[in-house]
C-alpha atoms as a PDB file:
ATOM      1  CA  PHE A   1     135.156 174.310  67.857  1.00  0.00           C
ATOM      2  CA  ALA A   2     134.536 170.946  70.236  1.00  0.00           C
ATOM      3  CA  PHE A   3     133.825 169.264  67.044  1.00  0.00           C
ATOM      4  CA  ASP A   4     137.141 170.648  65.583  1.00  0.00           C
ATOM      5  CA  ILE A   5     139.232 170.262  67.636  1.00  0.00           C
ATOM      6  CA  GLY A   6     137.741 167.761  69.988  1.00  0.00           C
ATOM      7  CA  LEU A   7     139.679 169.021  73.866  1.00  0.00           C
ATOM      8  CA  PRO A   8     139.182 170.619  76.380  1.00  0.00           C
ATOM      9  CA  CYS A   9     139.825 174.311  75.494  1.00  0.00           C
ATOM     10  CA  LYS A  10     140.004 178.241  77.506  1.00  0.00           C
ATOM     11  CA  ALA A  11     140.264 181.038  75.016  1.00  0.00           C
ATOM     12  CA  THR A  12     141.207 184.705  76.518  1.00  0.00           C
ATOM     13  CA  SER A  13     140.477 187.987  74.927  1.00  0.00           C
ATOM     14  CA  ASN A  14     144.558 188.922  74.554  1.00  0.00           C
ATOM     15  CA  GLY A  15     145.451 185.964  72.430  1.00  0.00           C
ATOM     16  CA  VAL A  16     146.141 182.525  74.962  1.00  0.00           C
ATOM     17  CA  LEU A  17     144.564 179.771  74.309  1.00  0.00           C
ATOM     18  CA  LEU A  18     144.879 176.745  77.048  1.00  0.00           C
ATOM     19  CA  VAL A  19     144.229 173.518  76.273  1.00  0.00           C
ATOM     20  CA  VAL A  20     144.593 170.153  78.299  1.00  0.00           C
ATOM     21  CA  ILE A  21     145.080 166.559  76.571  1.00  0.00           C
ATOM     22  CA  PRO A  22     143.173 164.431  79.398  1.00  0.00           C
ATOM     23  CA  ASN A  23     145.478 162.391  81.645  1.00  0.00           C
ATOM     24  CA  MET A  24     148.438 163.911  79.557  1.00  0.00           C
ATOM     25  CA  ALA A  25     149.265 167.215  78.795  1.00  0.00           C
ATOM     26  CA  GLY A  26     148.533 171.004  79.347  1.00  0.00           C
ATOM     27  CA  ILE A  27     149.161 173.145  76.638  1.00  0.00           C
ATOM     28  CA  ALA A  28     149.415 176.870  76.643  1.00  0.00           C
ATOM     29  CA  ILE A  29     149.566 178.916  73.406  1.00  0.00           C
ATOM     30  CA  TRP A  30     149.909 182.897  72.545  1.00  0.00           C
ATOM     31  CA  SER A  31     149.626 184.663  69.774  1.00  0.00           C
ATOM     32  CA  PRO A  32     147.738 187.817  69.179  1.00  0.00           C
ATOM     33  CA  ARG A  33     146.377 187.558  66.516  1.00  0.00           C
ATOM     34  CA  LEU A  34     142.298 186.462  66.766  1.00  0.00           C
ATOM     35  CA  ASN A  35     139.472 185.187  64.402  1.00  0.00           C
ATOM     36  CA  GLU A  36     136.179 186.492  64.238  1.00  0.00           C
ATOM     37  CA  ASN A  37     135.131 184.160  67.131  1.00  0.00           C
ATOM     38  CA  GLY A  38     137.932 186.167  69.747  1.00  0.00           C
ATOM     39  CA  VAL A  39     140.292 182.537  69.124  1.00  0.00           C
ATOM     40  CA  SER A  40     144.240 183.096  68.332  1.00  0.00           C
ATOM     41  CA  ARG A  41     144.330 182.351  64.793  1.00  0.00           C
ATOM     42  CA  ARG A  42     147.430 180.169  65.163  1.00  0.00           C
ATOM     43  CA  ALA A  43     146.631 178.770  68.581  1.00  0.00           C
ATOM     44  CA  LYS A  44     143.267 176.545  67.047  1.00  0.00           C
ATOM     45  CA  LEU A  45     145.915 176.222  63.459  1.00  0.00           C
ATOM     46  CA  PHE A  46     147.945 174.539  65.825  1.00  0.00           C
ATOM     47  CA  CYS A  47     145.409 173.039  67.629  1.00  0.00           C
ATOM     48  CA  GLU A  48     143.634 171.436  64.541  1.00  0.00           C
ATOM     49  CA  LEU A  49     147.474 170.098  63.594  1.00  0.00           C
ATOM     50  CA  LEU A  50     148.097 168.642  66.696  1.00  0.00           C
ATOM     51  CA  VAL A  51     144.336 166.536  66.060  1.00  0.00           C
ATOM     52  CA  GLN A  52     145.740 164.976  62.383  1.00  0.00           C
ATOM     53  CA  LYS A  53     148.564 164.499  63.845  1.00  0.00           C
ATOM     54  CA  TYR A  54     148.072 162.321  66.875  1.00  0.00           C
ATOM     55  CA  THR A  55     144.756 160.908  68.486  1.00  0.00           C
ATOM     56  CA  VAL A  56     144.104 162.918  71.060  1.00  0.00           C
ATOM     57  CA  HIS A  57     140.863 164.061  70.159  1.00  0.00           C
ATOM     58  CA  GLN A  58     137.952 163.074  72.345  1.00  0.00           C
ATOM     59  CA  PHE A  59     135.793 161.108  69.432  1.00  0.00           C
ATOM     60  CA  ASP A  60     138.747 159.598  67.734  1.00  0.00           C
ATOM     61  CA  ILE A  61     138.243 155.891  69.093  1.00  0.00           C
ATOM     62  CA  LEU A  62     134.928 155.659  68.229  1.00  0.00           C
ATOM     63  CA  SER A  63     135.962 157.033  64.491  1.00  0.00           C
ATOM     64  CA  TYR A  64     138.282 154.503  63.872  1.00  0.00           C
ATOM     65  CA  ALA A  65     136.195 151.935  65.561  1.00  0.00           C
ATOM     66  CA  SER A  66     133.131 152.702  63.355  1.00  0.00           C
ATOM     67  CA  SER A  67     135.072 153.125  60.735  1.00  0.00           C
ATOM     68  CA  GLY A  68     137.470 150.589  60.669  1.00  0.00           C
ATOM     69  CA  THR A  69     140.568 152.458  59.711  1.00  0.00           C
ATOM     70  CA  ASP A  70     143.913 150.744  60.879  1.00  0.00           C
ATOM     71  CA  GLN A  71     145.576 153.096  63.387  1.00  0.00           C
ATOM     72  CA  ALA A  72     148.557 152.204  61.760  1.00  0.00           C
ATOM     73  CA  TYR A  73     147.855 154.814  58.571  1.00  0.00           C
ATOM     74  CA  GLY A  74     145.961 157.036  61.109  1.00  0.00           C
ATOM     75  CA  PRO A  75     147.243 159.807  63.242  1.00  0.00           C
ATOM     76  CA  VAL A  76     150.022 158.288  66.040  1.00  0.00           C
ATOM     77  CA  ASP A  77     149.000 157.144  69.795  1.00  0.00           C
ATOM     78  CA  PRO A  78     151.296 159.078  71.799  1.00  0.00           C
ATOM     79  CA  ARG A  79     150.131 156.850  74.465  1.00  0.00           C
ATOM     80  CA  ASN A  80     151.310 154.051  72.856  1.00  0.00           C
ATOM     81  CA  GLN A  81     155.142 155.138  73.278  1.00  0.00           C
ATOM     82  CA  ARG A  82     157.963 152.480  72.876  1.00  0.00           C
ATOM     83  CA  VAL A  83     160.238 151.549  75.100  1.00  0.00           C
ATOM     84  CA  ASP A  84     163.512 152.269  74.592  1.00  0.00           C
ATOM     85  CA  LYS A  85     166.398 150.516  74.888  1.00  0.00           C
ATOM     86  CA  ARG A  86     168.604 151.271  76.195  1.00  0.00           C
ATOM     87  CA  MET A  87     166.166 150.546  79.512  1.00  0.00           C
ATOM     88  CA  ALA A  88     166.968 147.611  79.364  1.00  0.00           C
ATOM     89  CA  MET A  89     170.819 148.293  81.421  1.00  0.00           C
ATOM     90  CA  PRO A  90     169.177 148.809  84.708  1.00  0.00           C
ATOM     91  CA  ALA A  91     167.741 145.099  83.865  1.00  0.00           C
ATOM     92  CA  LEU A  92     170.472 143.461  83.785  1.00  0.00           C
ATOM     93  CA  PHE A  93     171.640 145.145  86.836  1.00  0.00           C
ATOM     94  CA  ALA A  94     168.529 144.580  88.500  1.00  0.00           C
ATOM     95  CA  ALA A  95     169.395 141.298  87.564  1.00  0.00           C
ATOM     96  CA  ALA A  96     172.901 141.069  88.528  1.00  0.00           C
ATOM     97  CA  SER A  97     172.687 142.037  91.768  1.00  0.00           C
ATOM     98  CA  GLY A  98     169.286 140.657  93.371  1.00  0.00           C
ATOM     99  CA  ASN A  99     167.052 143.347  92.483  1.00  0.00           C
ATOM    100  CA  LEU A 100     163.609 142.189  92.038  1.00  0.00           C
ATOM    101  CA  LYS A 101     161.606 145.111  92.996  1.00  0.00           C
ATOM    102  CA  ASP A 102     163.391 146.751  90.094  1.00  0.00           C
ATOM    103  CA  LEU A 103     163.387 143.774  88.001  1.00  0.00           C
ATOM    104  CA  GLN A 104     159.359 143.928  88.061  1.00  0.00           C
ATOM    105  CA  SER A 105     158.739 147.870  88.217  1.00  0.00           C
ATOM    106  CA  LEU A 106     161.035 147.413  84.356  1.00  0.00           C
ATOM    107  CA  ALA A 107     158.935 144.582  83.217  1.00  0.00           C
ATOM    108  CA  ASN A 108     155.659 146.503  84.227  1.00  0.00           C
ATOM    109  CA  ASP A 109     157.343 149.066  81.839  1.00  0.00           C
ATOM    110  CA  GLY A 110     157.125 147.450  79.175  1.00  0.00           C
ATOM    111  CA  VAL A 111     160.872 146.836  79.018  1.00  0.00           C
ATOM    112  CA  ASP A 112     162.251 143.724  76.979  1.00  0.00           C
ATOM    113  CA  LEU A 113     163.268 141.257  79.865  1.00  0.00           C
ATOM    114  CA  ASP A 114     165.286 139.317  76.687  1.00  0.00           C
ATOM    115  CA  GLU A 115     167.296 142.521  75.761  1.00  0.00           C
ATOM    116  CA  ALA A 116     171.368 141.475  75.751  1.00  0.00           C
ATOM    117  CA  ASP A 117     174.011 143.323  76.327  1.00  0.00           C
ATOM    118  CA  TYR A 118     177.140 143.725  74.175  1.00  0.00           C
ATOM    119  CA  ASP A 119     178.019 140.096  75.065  1.00  0.00           C
ATOM    120  CA  LYS A 120     174.194 139.053  73.838  1.00  0.00           C
ATOM    121  CA  ARG A 121     173.942 138.003  77.669  1.00  0.00           C
ATOM    122  CA  THR A 122     170.263 138.558  78.910  1.00  0.00           C
ATOM    123  CA  PRO A 123     169.305 139.200  82.419  1.00  0.00           C
ATOM    124  CA  LEU A 124     168.589 135.558  82.520  1.00  0.00           C
ATOM    125  CA  HIS A 125     172.055 134.680  81.402  1.00  0.00           C
ATOM    126  CA  LEU A 126     173.380 137.282  84.913  1.00  0.00           C
ATOM    127  CA  ALA A 127     170.964 135.919  87.143  1.00  0.00           C
ATOM    128  CA  ALA A 128     171.650 132.242  86.889  1.00  0.00           C
ATOM    129  CA  ALA A 129     175.394 133.309  86.530  1.00  0.00           C
ATOM    130  CA  GLU A 130     175.071 134.681  89.636  1.00  0.00           C
ATOM    131  CA  GLY A 131     172.929 132.431  91.763  1.00  0.00           C
ATOM    132  CA  ARG A 132     169.793 134.480  92.120  1.00  0.00           C
ATOM    133  CA  ALA A 133     167.233 132.270  92.065  1.00  0.00           C
ATOM    134  CA  ASP A 134     164.174 134.489  92.867  1.00  0.00           C
ATOM    135  CA  ILE A 135     165.350 136.740  89.723  1.00  0.00           C
ATOM    136  CA  VAL A 136     165.153 133.461  87.438  1.00  0.00           C
ATOM    137  CA  TYR A 137     162.224 132.062  88.842  1.00  0.00           C
ATOM    138  CA  PHE A 138     160.667 135.746  87.779  1.00  0.00           C
ATOM    139  CA  LEU A 139     161.481 135.584  84.632  1.00  0.00           C
ATOM    140  CA  LEU A 140     160.949 131.956  83.979  1.00  0.00           C
ATOM    141  CA  LYS A 141     157.604 133.316  84.976  1.00  0.00           C
ATOM    142  CA  ARG A 142     157.606 135.555  82.418  1.00  0.00           C
ATOM    143  CA  GLY A 143     158.306 133.480  80.288  1.00  0.00           C
ATOM    144  CA  VAL A 144     161.847 134.967  78.687  1.00  0.00           C
ATOM    145  CA  LYS A 145     163.558 133.194  76.146  1.00  0.00           C
ATOM    146  CA  LEU A 146     166.932 130.374  76.459  1.00  0.00           C
ATOM    147  CA  ILE A 147     169.117 132.832  74.295  1.00  0.00           C
ATOM    148  CA  LYS A 148     172.752 131.505  73.724  1.00  0.00           C
ATOM    149  CA  ASP A 149     175.232 134.750  74.695  1.00  0.00           C
ATOM    150  CA  ARG A 150     178.420 135.632  71.982  1.00  0.00           C
ATOM    151  CA  PHE A 151     180.228 132.456  73.579  1.00  0.00           C
ATOM    152  CA  GLU A 152     177.409 130.348  72.519  1.00  0.00           C
ATOM    153  CA  GLU A 153     176.684 129.522  76.024  1.00  0.00           C
ATOM    154  CA  THR A 154     173.001 130.095  78.133  1.00  0.00           C
ATOM    155  CA  ALA A 155     171.751 130.587  81.021  1.00  0.00           C
ATOM    156  CA  LEU A 156     171.866 126.890  82.158  1.00  0.00           C
ATOM    157  CA  ASP A 157     175.106 126.647  81.423  1.00  0.00           C
ATOM    158  CA  GLU A 158     175.863 129.534  83.473  1.00  0.00           C
ATOM    159  CA  ALA A 159     173.700 127.641  86.509  1.00  0.00           C
ATOM    160  CA  LYS A 160     175.604 124.532  85.641  1.00  0.00           C
ATOM    161  CA  LYS A 161     178.965 126.000  85.264  1.00  0.00           C
ATOM    162  CA  ASN A 162     178.707 127.944  89.118  1.00  0.00           C
ATOM    163  CA  GLY A 163     176.867 124.809  90.857  1.00  0.00           C
ATOM    164  CA  HIS A 164     173.836 126.675  91.224  1.00  0.00           C
ATOM    165  CA  GLN A 165     171.796 123.002  90.574  1.00  0.00           C
ATOM    166  CA  GLN A 166     168.719 124.871  91.320  1.00  0.00           C
ATOM    167  CA  ILE A 167     168.548 127.063  89.345  1.00  0.00           C
ATOM    168  CA  ALA A 168     169.519 124.603  86.552  1.00  0.00           C
ATOM    169  CA  HIS A 169     166.532 122.049  87.604  1.00  0.00           C
ATOM    170  CA  TRP A 170     163.999 125.393  86.922  1.00  0.00           C
ATOM    171  CA  ILE A 171     165.542 125.952  83.712  1.00  0.00           C
ATOM    172  CA  GLN A 172     165.563 122.342  82.115  1.00  0.00           C
ATOM    173  CA  GLN A 173     162.042 122.248  83.657  1.00  0.00           C
ATOM    174  CA  ARG A 174     160.413 124.964  82.241  1.00  0.00           C
ATOM    175  CA  GLU A 175     162.439 124.052  79.125  1.00  0.00           C
ATOM    176  CA  THR A 176     160.467 120.653  78.809  1.00  0.00           C
ATOM    177  CA  MET A 177     157.548 120.091  80.262  1.00  0.00           C
ATOM    178  CA  GLY A 178     156.948 124.124  80.336  1.00  0.00           C
ATOM    179  CA  VAL A 179     155.889 124.699  84.010  1.00  0.00           C
ATOM    180  CA  LEU A 180     157.877 125.472  87.054  1.00  0.00           C
ATOM    181  CA  PRO A 181     157.172 123.598  90.591  1.00  0.00           C
ATOM    182  CA  PRO A 182     155.489 126.553  93.318  1.00  0.00           C
ATOM    183  CA  LEU A 183     157.682 128.110  95.504  1.00  0.00           C
ATOM    184  CA  HIS A 184     157.353 127.820  99.387  1.00  0.00           C
ATOM    185  CA  GLY A 185     155.796 131.150 100.425  1.00  0.00           C
ATOM    186  CA  ASP A 186     156.414 133.945  98.932  1.00  0.00           C
ATOM    187  CA  GLU A 187     156.013 133.500  95.644  1.00  0.00           C
ATOM    188  CA  ASN A 188     158.756 136.315  94.509  1.00  0.00           C
ATOM    189  CA  THR A 189     161.548 135.398  97.364  1.00  0.00           C
ATOM    190  CA  VAL A 190     163.368 131.382  97.813  1.00  0.00           C
ATOM    191  CA  ASN A 191     163.002 130.240 101.286  1.00  0.00           C
ATOM    192  CA  LYS A 192     166.999 129.421 101.691  1.00  0.00           C
ATOM    193  CA  ASP A 193     166.016 128.343 105.600  1.00  0.00           C
ATOM    194  CA  ASP A 194     163.166 126.373 105.419  1.00  0.00           C
ATOM    195  CA  ASP A 195     165.833 123.243 106.307  1.00  0.00           C
ATOM    196  CA  ASP A 196     167.682 125.040 109.054  1.00  0.00           C
ATOM    197  CA  SER A 197     164.707 125.238 111.867  1.00  0.00           C
ATOM    198  CA  ASP A 198     164.327 121.321 111.623  1.00  0.00           C
ATOM    199  CA  ASP A 199     168.549 121.102 112.229  1.00  0.00           C
ATOM    200  CA  GLU A 200     169.000 122.963 115.115  1.00  0.00           C
ATOM    201  CA  GLU A 201     165.846 121.437 117.022  1.00  0.00           C
ATOM    202  CA  ASP A 202     168.214 117.782 116.896  1.00  0.00           C
ATOM    203  CA  GLU A 203     171.435 119.817 117.775  1.00  0.00           C
ATOM    204  CA  PRO A 204     172.443 120.277 121.612  1.00  0.00           C
ATOM    205  CA  ALA A 205     172.382 123.785 122.796  1.00  0.00           C
ATOM    206  CA  ASN A 206     176.393 124.070 123.183  1.00  0.00           C
ATOM    207  CA  ARG A 207     176.447 122.990 119.546  1.00  0.00           C
ATOM    208  CA  ARG A 208     174.032 125.501 118.252  1.00  0.00           C
ATOM    209  CA  PHE A 209     174.671 128.237 116.397  1.00  0.00           C
ATOM    210  CA  THR A 210     172.751 131.221 114.638  1.00  0.00           C
ATOM    211  CA  LYS A 211     171.441 131.383 110.986  1.00  0.00           C
ATOM    212  CA  ARG A 212     174.767 134.463 110.659  1.00  0.00           C
ATOM    213  CA  ASN A 213     176.556 131.881 111.147  1.00  0.00           C
ATOM    214  CA  THR A 214     178.540 132.929 114.129  1.00  0.00           C
ATOM    215  CA  PHE A 215     179.455 129.630 116.740  1.00  0.00           C
ATOM    216  CA  TYR A 216     179.583 129.485 119.762  1.00  0.00           C
ATOM    217  CA  ALA A 217     182.159 127.821 122.325  1.00  0.00           C
ATOM    218  CA  SER A 218     181.079 124.259 123.475  1.00  0.00           C
ATOM    219  CA  THR A 219     180.961 125.408 127.476  1.00  0.00           C
ATOM    220  CA  GLY A 220     177.119 124.988 127.434  1.00  0.00           C
ATOM    221  CA  SER A 221     176.251 128.306 127.681  1.00  0.00           C
ATOM    222  CA  MET A 222     175.213 130.881 124.409  1.00  0.00           C
ATOM    223  CA  GLU A 223     177.206 133.880 126.314  1.00  0.00           C
ATOM    224  CA  HIS A 224     180.726 133.687 124.593  1.00  0.00           C
ATOM    225  CA  PRO A 225     180.851 133.635 121.499  1.00  0.00           C
ATOM    226  CA  VAL A 226     184.063 132.885 119.151  1.00  0.00           C
END
């Protein structure tokens, strides 16, 4: 049974067979008719068909490696699942809204970051149009393609059209030189306040304002916001 089925199993006298596929699933089968070994006939047949259809037998990897058989023509590996194209929609939304964490998670799950919407606009298109610098940098590092949409425009065109010069520079540099400049600080975020600290130190106290653009009256005091 261990060589025929190759899966951890437990049979009971009333026709139940419990099967475990390690790190994947557990299956319970019940059929009262038993064979001479006290195992459900139909449950054993099910297991035999299962290991013929899928590479879940514990010796499958060894047998294919030693025989040189092409697995493309043998049992299917259920662990190698194709990603549904509908999963590209969350990637498009994450890119447009600037949600880098979700986009990274989707990329790690195997979502195609070049998948486009009905206008053939990719996550790079949307991020460049919205000025999502950290998203654009992440996508460029992942090696996404510069694709034309239905309007014959690329993400570079979107960045230029919307005035995002830094993003346009990154895309041009990646396309022409194949490299990206390093980001200051955290690689996953663009530090947009790098230049603010020096400017604040040079200004008099009564002219300073917060980074939230809350201006204060020129009274020499910071207690009276306008």
